[in-house]
Amino acid sequence: MPPEHYREERELTYYQWVQFILVFLAFLFYLPYLYWSTVNWWSGLQVKAVVAAACKLNKTDVKGRQDQIEKIASHLKKFIDRQGRKSPIPFIPNAIGRNWVSFNYVLTKSLFVINLFAQMLLIHFFLGFDMDDFLSLKVGFGSNWIADGIFPRQTMCDFEVRKKGSIQKYSVQCVLSMNMLNEKIFLALFYWLLALIILTVTNLILSLQHFFRASSREAFVRRMLTAGGHGSTDDDTGSQRDEKEPLVDRPTKYSNDYNRILSVNPDVVVVLHLIAKNAGDNVCQSVVNVLFKKLSE
């Protein structure tokens, strides 16, 4: 029988905390969203309210839909008119303050990436995973977990038996059936986090290109304008217009109004992108076309 202090040192205590670890990891996913919800409106652009209003348009009647589109476009126009060279937020550098929404949108995606890496490290810290084995894909569903020692299925269990006024301690080999579930949960969680990292990093790169590259922003706005019948007359879509299509007010490629909406602030493009993603392209096209009319007034 090993000494008592040695037995206490070898005792595994983290199994009873598995459920709390999982809840804590789930809470970490909420932190980037909490940050985004807290700071996205500081520049005066009510991102959450605008997107929420756009999502309701598909369930409203024609008159109510048009009124809401007018309100959304008016809010975006006011934001565009307020844009200047100085940051609208005190104590924030101009380069960041003038692009506050787009900066924090990309920063939030970056926080999700950091969060995923942090969760992998936390799994290693709490449970003592061998990250070298994980990164080399040595540990898998077919691996010998008994030998790995991360979630041993067999261990020594202590129990006491009272005999003739004395307590006898026994240690016997026992099976930890719960670990058969725990090992699969954390292994699946690891590969799920790995997949999320790949997808989130890819999405982050695409977002950087989409919102901070002028040609990408212009292409998005131009696509929305063209779909709504306000494409430039110099575009191919305008030259190939059907003769039966009703005539609309199409600006020339070099008109000030057309160039103004194509060169809108990245923050506005982020909001339009969120509208298209959550409410659909049709709603976004309607908002862009009403916004163009307001900028032309």
C-alpha atoms as a PDB file:
ATOM      1  CA  MET A   1       0.000   0.000   0.000  1.00  0.00           C
ATOM      2  CA  PRO A   2       1.640   3.325  -1.042  1.00  0.00           C
ATOM      3  CA  PRO A   3       1.986   6.141   1.532  1.00  0.00           C
ATOM      4  CA  GLU A   4      -1.045   8.430   1.998  1.00  0.00           C
ATOM      5  CA  HIS A   5       0.700  11.563   0.718  1.00  0.00           C
ATOM      6  CA  TYR A   6       1.760   9.735  -2.455  1.00  0.00           C
ATOM      7  CA  ARG A   7      -1.783   8.557  -3.052  1.00  0.00           C
ATOM      8  CA  GLU A   8      -3.100  12.125  -2.729  1.00  0.00           C
ATOM      9  CA  GLU A   9      -0.521  13.422  -5.198  1.00  0.00           C
ATOM     10  CA  ARG A  10      -1.531  10.804  -7.757  1.00  0.00           C
ATOM     11  CA  GLU A  11      -5.251  11.369  -7.295  1.00  0.00           C
ATOM     12  CA  LEU A  12      -7.030  12.763 -10.368  1.00  0.00           C
ATOM     13  CA  THR A  13      -9.456  15.509  -9.385  1.00  0.00           C
ATOM     14  CA  TYR A  14     -10.354  17.283 -12.618  1.00  0.00           C
ATOM     15  CA  TYR A  15     -13.007  14.779 -13.729  1.00  0.00           C
ATOM     16  CA  GLN A  16     -15.612  16.297 -11.438  1.00  0.00           C
ATOM     17  CA  TRP A  17     -15.033  19.679 -13.117  1.00  0.00           C
ATOM     18  CA  VAL A  18     -15.569  18.519 -16.710  1.00  0.00           C
ATOM     19  CA  GLN A  19     -19.065  19.980 -16.994  1.00  0.00           C
ATOM     20  CA  PHE A  20     -17.911  23.318 -15.593  1.00  0.00           C
ATOM     21  CA  ILE A  21     -15.011  23.415 -18.039  1.00  0.00           C
ATOM     22  CA  LEU A  22     -17.412  22.883 -20.942  1.00  0.00           C
ATOM     23  CA  VAL A  23     -19.714  25.666 -19.713  1.00  0.00           C
ATOM     24  CA  PHE A  24     -16.726  28.003 -19.335  1.00  0.00           C
ATOM     25  CA  LEU A  25     -15.533  27.244 -22.864  1.00  0.00           C
ATOM     26  CA  ALA A  26     -19.034  27.954 -24.170  1.00  0.00           C
ATOM     27  CA  PHE A  27     -19.043  31.305 -22.338  1.00  0.00           C
ATOM     28  CA  LEU A  28     -15.763  32.274 -24.010  1.00  0.00           C
ATOM     29  CA  PHE A  29     -17.504  32.112 -27.391  1.00  0.00           C
ATOM     30  CA  TYR A  30     -19.886  34.828 -26.195  1.00  0.00           C
ATOM     31  CA  LEU A  31     -17.176  37.344 -25.258  1.00  0.00           C
ATOM     32  CA  PRO A  32     -16.321  38.575 -28.814  1.00  0.00           C
ATOM     33  CA  TYR A  33     -20.029  39.053 -29.542  1.00  0.00           C
ATOM     34  CA  LEU A  34     -20.407  40.956 -26.269  1.00  0.00           C
ATOM     35  CA  TYR A  35     -17.548  43.245 -27.295  1.00  0.00           C
ATOM     36  CA  TRP A  36     -19.096  43.861 -30.729  1.00  0.00           C
ATOM     37  CA  SER A  37     -22.517  44.630 -29.233  1.00  0.00           C
ATOM     38  CA  THR A  38     -20.939  47.098 -26.814  1.00  0.00           C
ATOM     39  CA  VAL A  39     -18.819  49.201 -29.201  1.00  0.00           C
ATOM     40  CA  ASN A  40     -20.382  48.992 -32.694  1.00  0.00           C
ATOM     41  CA  TRP A  41     -22.725  51.992 -32.144  1.00  0.00           C
ATOM     42  CA  TRP A  42     -20.188  54.419 -30.667  1.00  0.00           C
ATOM     43  CA  SER A  43     -19.647  56.167 -34.003  1.00  0.00           C
ATOM     44  CA  GLY A  44     -23.351  57.017 -34.257  1.00  0.00           C
ATOM     45  CA  LEU A  45     -24.157  54.276 -36.760  1.00  0.00           C
ATOM     46  CA  GLN A  46     -26.802  52.079 -35.118  1.00  0.00           C
ATOM     47  CA  VAL A  47     -25.718  48.788 -36.669  1.00  0.00           C
ATOM     48  CA  LYS A  48     -27.861  46.455 -34.567  1.00  0.00           C
ATOM     49  CA  ALA A  49     -31.031  48.544 -34.957  1.00  0.00           C
ATOM     50  CA  VAL A  50     -30.551  48.953 -38.716  1.00  0.00           C
ATOM     51  CA  VAL A  51     -29.969  45.244 -39.332  1.00  0.00           C
ATOM     52  CA  ALA A  52     -32.887  44.286 -37.068  1.00  0.00           C
ATOM     53  CA  ALA A  53     -35.198  46.672 -38.940  1.00  0.00           C
ATOM     54  CA  ALA A  54     -34.014  45.288 -42.286  1.00  0.00           C
ATOM     55  CA  CYS A  55     -34.720  41.724 -41.185  1.00  0.00           C
ATOM     56  CA  LYS A  56     -38.347  42.651 -40.437  1.00  0.00           C
ATOM     57  CA  LEU A  57     -38.965  44.041 -43.928  1.00  0.00           C
ATOM     58  CA  ASN A  58     -39.770  40.650 -45.428  1.00  0.00           C
ATOM     59  CA  LYS A  59     -42.700  40.320 -43.010  1.00  0.00           C
ATOM     60  CA  THR A  60     -44.252  43.779 -43.515  1.00  0.00           C
ATOM     61  CA  ASP A  61     -46.689  45.085 -46.120  1.00  0.00           C
ATOM     62  CA  VAL A  62     -45.609  47.178 -49.105  1.00  0.00           C
ATOM     63  CA  LYS A  63     -46.238  50.572 -47.477  1.00  0.00           C
ATOM     64  CA  GLY A  64     -44.604  49.607 -44.201  1.00  0.00           C
ATOM     65  CA  ARG A  65     -41.670  48.117 -46.084  1.00  0.00           C
ATOM     66  CA  GLN A  66     -41.062  51.313 -48.044  1.00  0.00           C
ATOM     67  CA  ASP A  67     -41.287  53.460 -44.909  1.00  0.00           C
ATOM     68  CA  GLN A  68     -38.710  51.312 -43.123  1.00  0.00           C
ATOM     69  CA  ILE A  69     -36.383  51.383 -46.130  1.00  0.00           C
ATOM     70  CA  GLU A  70     -36.654  55.183 -46.158  1.00  0.00           C
ATOM     71  CA  LYS A  71     -35.749  55.318 -42.456  1.00  0.00           C
ATOM     72  CA  ILE A  72     -32.755  53.009 -42.913  1.00  0.00           C
ATOM     73  CA  ALA A  73     -31.498  54.961 -45.929  1.00  0.00           C
ATOM     74  CA  SER A  74     -31.989  58.279 -44.099  1.00  0.00           C
ATOM     75  CA  HIS A  75     -29.967  57.024 -41.135  1.00  0.00           C
ATOM     76  CA  LEU A  76     -27.142  55.914 -43.438  1.00  0.00           C
ATOM     77  CA  LYS A  77     -27.214  59.246 -45.298  1.00  0.00           C
ATOM     78  CA  LYS A  78     -26.977  61.207 -42.039  1.00  0.00           C
ATOM     79  CA  PHE A  79     -23.978  59.101 -41.076  1.00  0.00           C
ATOM     80  CA  ILE A  80     -22.346  59.740 -44.478  1.00  0.00           C
ATOM     81  CA  ASP A  81     -22.997  63.490 -44.204  1.00  0.00           C
ATOM     82  CA  ARG A  82     -21.400  63.583 -40.736  1.00  0.00           C
ATOM     83  CA  GLN A  83     -18.246  61.884 -41.927  1.00  0.00           C
ATOM     84  CA  GLY A  84     -15.219  64.140 -41.730  1.00  0.00           C
ATOM     85  CA  ARG A  85     -11.514  63.965 -41.300  1.00  0.00           C
ATOM     86  CA  LYS A  86     -11.715  63.834 -37.514  1.00  0.00           C
ATOM     87  CA  SER A  87     -12.730  60.857 -35.433  1.00  0.00           C
ATOM     88  CA  PRO A  88     -16.336  61.101 -34.157  1.00  0.00           C
ATOM     89  CA  ILE A  89     -15.221  59.351 -30.958  1.00  0.00           C
ATOM     90  CA  PRO A  90     -13.062  61.275 -28.456  1.00  0.00           C
ATOM     91  CA  PHE A  91      -9.636  59.848 -27.564  1.00  0.00           C
ATOM     92  CA  ILE A  92      -9.738  57.512 -30.598  1.00  0.00           C
ATOM     93  CA  PRO A  93      -7.168  58.021 -33.411  1.00  0.00           C
ATOM     94  CA  ASN A  94      -8.678  59.451 -36.590  1.00  0.00           C
ATOM     95  CA  ALA A  95      -7.690  56.479 -38.736  1.00  0.00           C
ATOM     96  CA  ILE A  96      -9.656  54.153 -36.440  1.00  0.00           C
ATOM     97  CA  GLY A  97     -12.490  56.492 -35.462  1.00  0.00           C
ATOM     98  CA  ARG A  98     -13.450  57.296 -39.063  1.00  0.00           C
ATOM     99  CA  ASN A  99     -13.702  53.553 -39.760  1.00  0.00           C
ATOM    100  CA  TRP A 100     -14.949  52.525 -36.338  1.00  0.00           C
ATOM    101  CA  VAL A 101     -17.556  49.940 -37.360  1.00  0.00           C
ATOM    102  CA  SER A 102     -15.420  48.221 -39.998  1.00  0.00           C
ATOM    103  CA  PHE A 103     -12.377  48.246 -37.700  1.00  0.00           C
ATOM    104  CA  ASN A 104     -14.288  46.633 -34.833  1.00  0.00           C
ATOM    105  CA  TYR A 105     -16.074  44.217 -37.148  1.00  0.00           C
ATOM    106  CA  VAL A 106     -12.718  42.839 -38.287  1.00  0.00           C
ATOM    107  CA  LEU A 107     -11.337  43.068 -34.742  1.00  0.00           C
ATOM    108  CA  THR A 108     -14.272  40.973 -33.491  1.00  0.00           C
ATOM    109  CA  LYS A 109     -13.480  38.295 -36.056  1.00  0.00           C
ATOM    110  CA  SER A 110      -9.858  38.427 -34.893  1.00  0.00           C
ATOM    111  CA  LEU A 111     -11.042  37.985 -31.298  1.00  0.00           C
ATOM    112  CA  PHE A 112     -12.898  34.848 -32.351  1.00  0.00           C
ATOM    113  CA  VAL A 113      -9.634  33.466 -33.779  1.00  0.00           C
ATOM    114  CA  ILE A 114      -7.742  34.348 -30.588  1.00  0.00           C
ATOM    115  CA  ASN A 115     -10.557  32.824 -28.548  1.00  0.00           C
ATOM    116  CA  LEU A 116     -10.291  29.532 -30.437  1.00  0.00           C
ATOM    117  CA  PHE A 117      -6.540  29.300 -29.873  1.00  0.00           C
ATOM    118  CA  ALA A 118      -7.046  30.217 -26.206  1.00  0.00           C
ATOM    119  CA  GLN A 119      -9.587  27.433 -25.790  1.00  0.00           C
ATOM    120  CA  MET A 120      -7.090  24.904 -27.122  1.00  0.00           C
ATOM    121  CA  LEU A 121      -4.542  26.134 -24.597  1.00  0.00           C
ATOM    122  CA  LEU A 122      -7.123  25.962 -21.812  1.00  0.00           C
ATOM    123  CA  ILE A 123      -7.926  22.366 -22.704  1.00  0.00           C
ATOM    124  CA  HIS A 124      -4.207  21.639 -22.483  1.00  0.00           C
ATOM    125  CA  PHE A 125      -3.923  23.508 -19.159  1.00  0.00           C
ATOM    126  CA  PHE A 126      -6.945  21.912 -17.471  1.00  0.00           C
ATOM    127  CA  LEU A 127      -6.585  18.384 -18.746  1.00  0.00           C
ATOM    128  CA  GLY A 128      -2.900  18.024 -19.487  1.00  0.00           C
ATOM    129  CA  PHE A 129      -3.249  17.101 -23.156  1.00  0.00           C
ATOM    130  CA  ASP A 130      -0.029  16.448 -25.026  1.00  0.00           C
ATOM    131  CA  MET A 131      -0.287  19.137 -27.708  1.00  0.00           C
ATOM    132  CA  ASP A 132       2.586  17.602 -29.692  1.00  0.00           C
ATOM    133  CA  ASP A 133       0.545  14.440 -30.106  1.00  0.00           C
ATOM    134  CA  PHE A 134      -2.546  16.424 -31.039  1.00  0.00           C
ATOM    135  CA  LEU A 135      -0.759  18.585 -33.599  1.00  0.00           C
ATOM    136  CA  SER A 136       0.833  15.518 -35.161  1.00  0.00           C
ATOM    137  CA  LEU A 137      -2.622  13.847 -35.198  1.00  0.00           C
ATOM    138  CA  LYS A 138      -1.215  10.980 -33.161  1.00  0.00           C
ATOM    139  CA  VAL A 139      -4.198  10.996 -30.833  1.00  0.00           C
ATOM    140  CA  GLY A 140      -7.391   9.902 -32.536  1.00  0.00           C
ATOM    141  CA  PHE A 141     -10.588   7.980 -32.090  1.00  0.00           C
ATOM    142  CA  GLY A 142      -8.704   4.749 -32.608  1.00  0.00           C
ATOM    143  CA  SER A 143      -5.890   5.568 -30.219  1.00  0.00           C
ATOM    144  CA  ASN A 144      -5.117   3.588 -27.078  1.00  0.00           C
ATOM    145  CA  TRP A 145      -6.464   5.932 -24.418  1.00  0.00           C
ATOM    146  CA  ILE A 146      -5.501   3.555 -21.631  1.00  0.00           C
ATOM    147  CA  ALA A 147      -1.845   4.018 -22.544  1.00  0.00           C
ATOM    148  CA  ASP A 148      -2.158   7.752 -23.267  1.00  0.00           C
ATOM    149  CA  GLY A 149      -3.326   8.497 -19.730  1.00  0.00           C
ATOM    150  CA  ILE A 150      -5.461  11.506 -20.633  1.00  0.00           C
ATOM    151  CA  PHE A 151      -8.751   9.801 -19.810  1.00  0.00           C
ATOM    152  CA  PRO A 152      -7.769   6.428 -18.334  1.00  0.00           C
ATOM    153  CA  ARG A 153     -10.516   3.837 -18.458  1.00  0.00           C
ATOM    154  CA  GLN A 154      -8.853   1.734 -15.776  1.00  0.00           C
ATOM    155  CA  THR A 155      -7.536   3.040 -12.478  1.00  0.00           C
ATOM    156  CA  MET A 156      -7.264   2.151  -8.809  1.00  0.00           C
ATOM    157  CA  CYS A 157     -10.322   2.895  -6.691  1.00  0.00           C
ATOM    158  CA  ASP A 158     -10.334   3.097  -2.880  1.00  0.00           C
ATOM    159  CA  PHE A 159     -13.145   1.951  -0.652  1.00  0.00           C
ATOM    160  CA  GLU A 160     -13.502   1.203   3.051  1.00  0.00           C
ATOM    161  CA  VAL A 161     -14.973  -1.801   4.836  1.00  0.00           C
ATOM    162  CA  ARG A 162     -15.826  -1.799   8.524  1.00  0.00           C
ATOM    163  CA  LYS A 163     -14.757  -5.008  10.268  1.00  0.00           C
ATOM    164  CA  LYS A 164     -15.090  -5.628  13.998  1.00  0.00           C
ATOM    165  CA  GLY A 165     -14.898  -1.995  15.026  1.00  0.00           C
ATOM    166  CA  SER A 166     -12.086  -1.090  12.624  1.00  0.00           C
ATOM    167  CA  ILE A 167     -12.093   0.357   9.130  1.00  0.00           C
ATOM    168  CA  GLN A 168     -10.152  -1.560   6.494  1.00  0.00           C
ATOM    169  CA  LYS A 169      -9.034   0.307   3.363  1.00  0.00           C
ATOM    170  CA  TYR A 170      -8.871  -1.529   0.054  1.00  0.00           C
ATOM    171  CA  SER A 171      -7.589  -0.475  -3.349  1.00  0.00           C
ATOM    172  CA  VAL A 172      -8.845  -2.418  -6.344  1.00  0.00           C
ATOM    173  CA  GLN A 173      -8.713  -1.985 -10.066  1.00  0.00           C
ATOM    174  CA  CYS A 174     -11.911  -0.463 -11.472  1.00  0.00           C
ATOM    175  CA  VAL A 175     -13.292   0.778 -14.775  1.00  0.00           C
ATOM    176  CA  LEU A 176     -14.190   4.472 -15.278  1.00  0.00           C
ATOM    177  CA  SER A 177     -16.982   4.181 -17.816  1.00  0.00           C
ATOM    178  CA  MET A 178     -17.593   7.947 -17.729  1.00  0.00           C
ATOM    179  CA  ASN A 179     -14.184   8.513 -19.275  1.00  0.00           C
ATOM    180  CA  MET A 180     -15.283   6.682 -22.392  1.00  0.00           C
ATOM    181  CA  LEU A 181     -17.663   9.601 -22.934  1.00  0.00           C
ATOM    182  CA  ASN A 182     -15.283  12.317 -21.714  1.00  0.00           C
ATOM    183  CA  GLU A 183     -12.490  11.281 -24.031  1.00  0.00           C
ATOM    184  CA  LYS A 184     -14.748  11.451 -27.081  1.00  0.00           C
ATOM    185  CA  ILE A 185     -16.233  14.804 -26.023  1.00  0.00           C
ATOM    186  CA  PHE A 186     -12.873  16.532 -25.693  1.00  0.00           C
ATOM    187  CA  LEU A 187     -11.386  14.883 -28.749  1.00  0.00           C
ATOM    188  CA  ALA A 188     -14.378  15.956 -30.857  1.00  0.00           C
ATOM    189  CA  LEU A 189     -14.140  19.411 -29.271  1.00  0.00           C
ATOM    190  CA  PHE A 190     -10.486  19.712 -30.266  1.00  0.00           C
ATOM    191  CA  TYR A 191     -11.092  18.875 -33.921  1.00  0.00           C
ATOM    192  CA  TRP A 192     -14.186  21.098 -33.932  1.00  0.00           C
ATOM    193  CA  LEU A 193     -12.074  24.010 -32.677  1.00  0.00           C
ATOM    194  CA  LEU A 194      -9.455  23.225 -35.309  1.00  0.00           C
ATOM    195  CA  ALA A 195     -12.084  23.331 -38.067  1.00  0.00           C
ATOM    196  CA  LEU A 196     -13.479  26.600 -36.688  1.00  0.00           C
ATOM    197  CA  ILE A 197     -10.004  28.153 -36.709  1.00  0.00           C
ATOM    198  CA  ILE A 198      -9.552  27.322 -40.396  1.00  0.00           C
ATOM    199  CA  LEU A 199     -12.993  28.687 -41.319  1.00  0.00           C
ATOM    200  CA  THR A 200     -12.683  31.806 -39.142  1.00  0.00           C
ATOM    201  CA  VAL A 201      -9.204  32.710 -40.402  1.00  0.00           C
ATOM    202  CA  THR A 202     -10.422  32.298 -43.992  1.00  0.00           C
ATOM    203  CA  ASN A 203     -13.438  34.504 -43.271  1.00  0.00           C
ATOM    204  CA  LEU A 204     -11.194  37.085 -41.593  1.00  0.00           C
ATOM    205  CA  ILE A 205      -8.944  37.313 -44.656  1.00  0.00           C
ATOM    206  CA  LEU A 206     -11.957  37.706 -46.953  1.00  0.00           C
ATOM    207  CA  SER A 207     -13.389  40.415 -44.679  1.00  0.00           C
ATOM    208  CA  LEU A 208     -10.125  42.358 -44.746  1.00  0.00           C
ATOM    209  CA  GLN A 209     -10.161  42.247 -48.521  1.00  0.00           C
ATOM    210  CA  HIS A 210     -13.865  43.068 -48.808  1.00  0.00           C
ATOM    211  CA  PHE A 211     -14.022  46.043 -46.446  1.00  0.00           C
ATOM    212  CA  PHE A 212     -10.564  47.635 -46.677  1.00  0.00           C
ATOM    213  CA  ARG A 213      -9.966  47.267 -50.399  1.00  0.00           C
ATOM    214  CA  ALA A 214     -11.613  50.113 -52.319  1.00  0.00           C
ATOM    215  CA  SER A 215     -12.231  48.081 -55.476  1.00  0.00           C
ATOM    216  CA  SER A 216     -14.042  45.360 -53.492  1.00  0.00           C
ATOM    217  CA  ARG A 217     -16.279  47.910 -51.757  1.00  0.00           C
ATOM    218  CA  GLU A 218     -17.093  49.583 -55.062  1.00  0.00           C
ATOM    219  CA  ALA A 219     -17.877  46.252 -56.710  1.00  0.00           C
ATOM    220  CA  PHE A 220     -20.335  45.369 -53.934  1.00  0.00           C
ATOM    221  CA  VAL A 221     -22.166  48.714 -54.078  1.00  0.00           C
ATOM    222  CA  ARG A 222     -22.165  48.692 -57.894  1.00  0.00           C
ATOM    223  CA  ARG A 223     -23.726  45.214 -57.890  1.00  0.00           C
ATOM    224  CA  MET A 224     -26.503  46.407 -55.583  1.00  0.00           C
ATOM    225  CA  LEU A 225     -27.105  49.502 -57.736  1.00  0.00           C
ATOM    226  CA  THR A 226     -27.156  47.563 -60.985  1.00  0.00           C
ATOM    227  CA  ALA A 227     -29.613  45.000 -59.626  1.00  0.00           C
ATOM    228  CA  GLY A 228     -31.943  47.840 -58.655  1.00  0.00           C
ATOM    229  CA  GLY A 229     -31.790  49.504 -62.085  1.00  0.00           C
ATOM    230  CA  HIS A 230     -29.386  52.316 -61.216  1.00  0.00           C
ATOM    231  CA  GLY A 231     -26.233  50.937 -62.775  1.00  0.00           C
ATOM    232  CA  SER A 232     -23.971  53.210 -64.767  1.00  0.00           C
ATOM    233  CA  THR A 233     -24.870  53.667 -68.440  1.00  0.00           C
ATOM    234  CA  ASP A 234     -21.251  52.854 -69.258  1.00  0.00           C
ATOM    235  CA  ASP A 235     -21.508  49.393 -67.650  1.00  0.00           C
ATOM    236  CA  ASP A 236     -22.103  46.292 -69.747  1.00  0.00           C
ATOM    237  CA  THR A 237     -25.350  45.666 -67.892  1.00  0.00           C
ATOM    238  CA  GLY A 238     -26.634  49.046 -69.073  1.00  0.00           C
ATOM    239  CA  SER A 239     -25.600  48.615 -72.706  1.00  0.00           C
ATOM    240  CA  GLN A 240     -27.320  45.239 -72.929  1.00  0.00           C
ATOM    241  CA  ARG A 241     -30.602  46.416 -71.416  1.00  0.00           C
ATOM    242  CA  ASP A 242     -33.746  44.888 -72.881  1.00  0.00           C
ATOM    243  CA  GLU A 243     -35.686  47.322 -75.072  1.00  0.00           C
ATOM    244  CA  LYS A 244     -38.873  46.465 -73.170  1.00  0.00           C
ATOM    245  CA  GLU A 245     -37.290  47.327 -69.820  1.00  0.00           C
ATOM    246  CA  PRO A 246     -38.695  50.596 -68.421  1.00  0.00           C
ATOM    247  CA  LEU A 247     -36.320  53.516 -68.526  1.00  0.00           C
ATOM    248  CA  VAL A 248     -34.787  54.505 -65.205  1.00  0.00           C
ATOM    249  CA  ASP A 249     -32.507  57.276 -64.137  1.00  0.00           C
ATOM    250  CA  ARG A 250     -29.079  55.785 -64.814  1.00  0.00           C
ATOM    251  CA  PRO A 251     -26.120  57.997 -63.935  1.00  0.00           C
ATOM    252  CA  THR A 252     -23.036  58.227 -66.098  1.00  0.00           C
ATOM    253  CA  LYS A 253     -19.927  56.453 -64.920  1.00  0.00           C
ATOM    254  CA  TYR A 254     -18.223  59.715 -63.986  1.00  0.00           C
ATOM    255  CA  SER A 255     -21.138  61.531 -62.334  1.00  0.00           C
ATOM    256  CA  ASN A 256     -20.511  62.919 -58.856  1.00  0.00           C
ATOM    257  CA  ASP A 257     -23.519  61.145 -57.329  1.00  0.00           C
ATOM    258  CA  TYR A 258     -22.482  57.794 -58.727  1.00  0.00           C
ATOM    259  CA  ASN A 259     -18.899  58.180 -57.550  1.00  0.00           C
ATOM    260  CA  ARG A 260     -20.044  59.366 -54.138  1.00  0.00           C
ATOM    261  CA  ILE A 261     -22.057  56.255 -53.362  1.00  0.00           C
ATOM    262  CA  LEU A 262     -19.341  53.993 -54.772  1.00  0.00           C
ATOM    263  CA  SER A 263     -16.787  55.584 -52.457  1.00  0.00           C
ATOM    264  CA  VAL A 264     -18.871  55.439 -49.277  1.00  0.00           C
ATOM    265  CA  ASN A 265     -17.173  54.862 -45.957  1.00  0.00           C
ATOM    266  CA  PRO A 266     -16.217  51.226 -45.178  1.00  0.00           C
ATOM    267  CA  ASP A 267     -18.559  51.404 -42.172  1.00  0.00           C
ATOM    268  CA  VAL A 268     -21.555  51.852 -44.489  1.00  0.00           C
ATOM    269  CA  VAL A 269     -20.401  48.909 -46.613  1.00  0.00           C
ATOM    270  CA  VAL A 270     -20.193  46.752 -43.476  1.00  0.00           C
ATOM    271  CA  VAL A 271     -23.796  47.627 -42.586  1.00  0.00           C
ATOM    272  CA  LEU A 272     -24.973  46.960 -46.157  1.00  0.00           C
ATOM    273  CA  HIS A 273     -23.111  43.661 -46.117  1.00  0.00           C
ATOM    274  CA  LEU A 274     -24.807  42.679 -42.844  1.00  0.00           C
ATOM    275  CA  ILE A 275     -28.193  43.644 -44.301  1.00  0.00           C
ATOM    276  CA  ALA A 276     -27.565  41.483 -47.375  1.00  0.00           C
ATOM    277  CA  LYS A 277     -26.352  38.606 -45.226  1.00  0.00           C
ATOM    278  CA  ASN A 278     -29.213  38.680 -42.709  1.00  0.00           C
ATOM    279  CA  ALA A 279     -32.171  40.109 -44.654  1.00  0.00           C
ATOM    280  CA  GLY A 280     -31.257  39.128 -48.209  1.00  0.00           C
ATOM    281  CA  ASP A 281     -29.917  40.838 -51.330  1.00  0.00           C
ATOM    282  CA  ASN A 282     -33.339  42.185 -52.314  1.00  0.00           C
ATOM    283  CA  VAL A 283     -33.614  44.231 -49.129  1.00  0.00           C
ATOM    284  CA  CYS A 284     -30.041  45.460 -49.484  1.00  0.00           C
ATOM    285  CA  GLN A 285     -30.675  46.484 -53.111  1.00  0.00           C
ATOM    286  CA  SER A 286     -33.725  48.482 -52.052  1.00  0.00           C
ATOM    287  CA  VAL A 287     -31.778  50.265 -49.309  1.00  0.00           C
ATOM    288  CA  VAL A 288     -28.864  51.072 -51.638  1.00  0.00           C
ATOM    289  CA  ASN A 289     -31.137  52.458 -54.348  1.00  0.00           C
ATOM    290  CA  VAL A 290     -33.078  54.666 -51.916  1.00  0.00           C
ATOM    291  CA  LEU A 291     -29.756  55.791 -50.423  1.00  0.00           C
ATOM    292  CA  PHE A 292     -28.523  56.686 -53.916  1.00  0.00           C
ATOM    293  CA  LYS A 293     -31.630  58.786 -54.546  1.00  0.00           C
ATOM    294  CA  LYS A 294     -31.133  60.626 -51.256  1.00  0.00           C
ATOM    295  CA  LEU A 295     -27.473  61.314 -52.033  1.00  0.00           C
ATOM    296  CA  SER A 296     -28.538  62.659 -55.444  1.00  0.00           C
ATOM    297  CA  GLU A 297     -30.970  65.189 -53.945  1.00  0.00           C
END
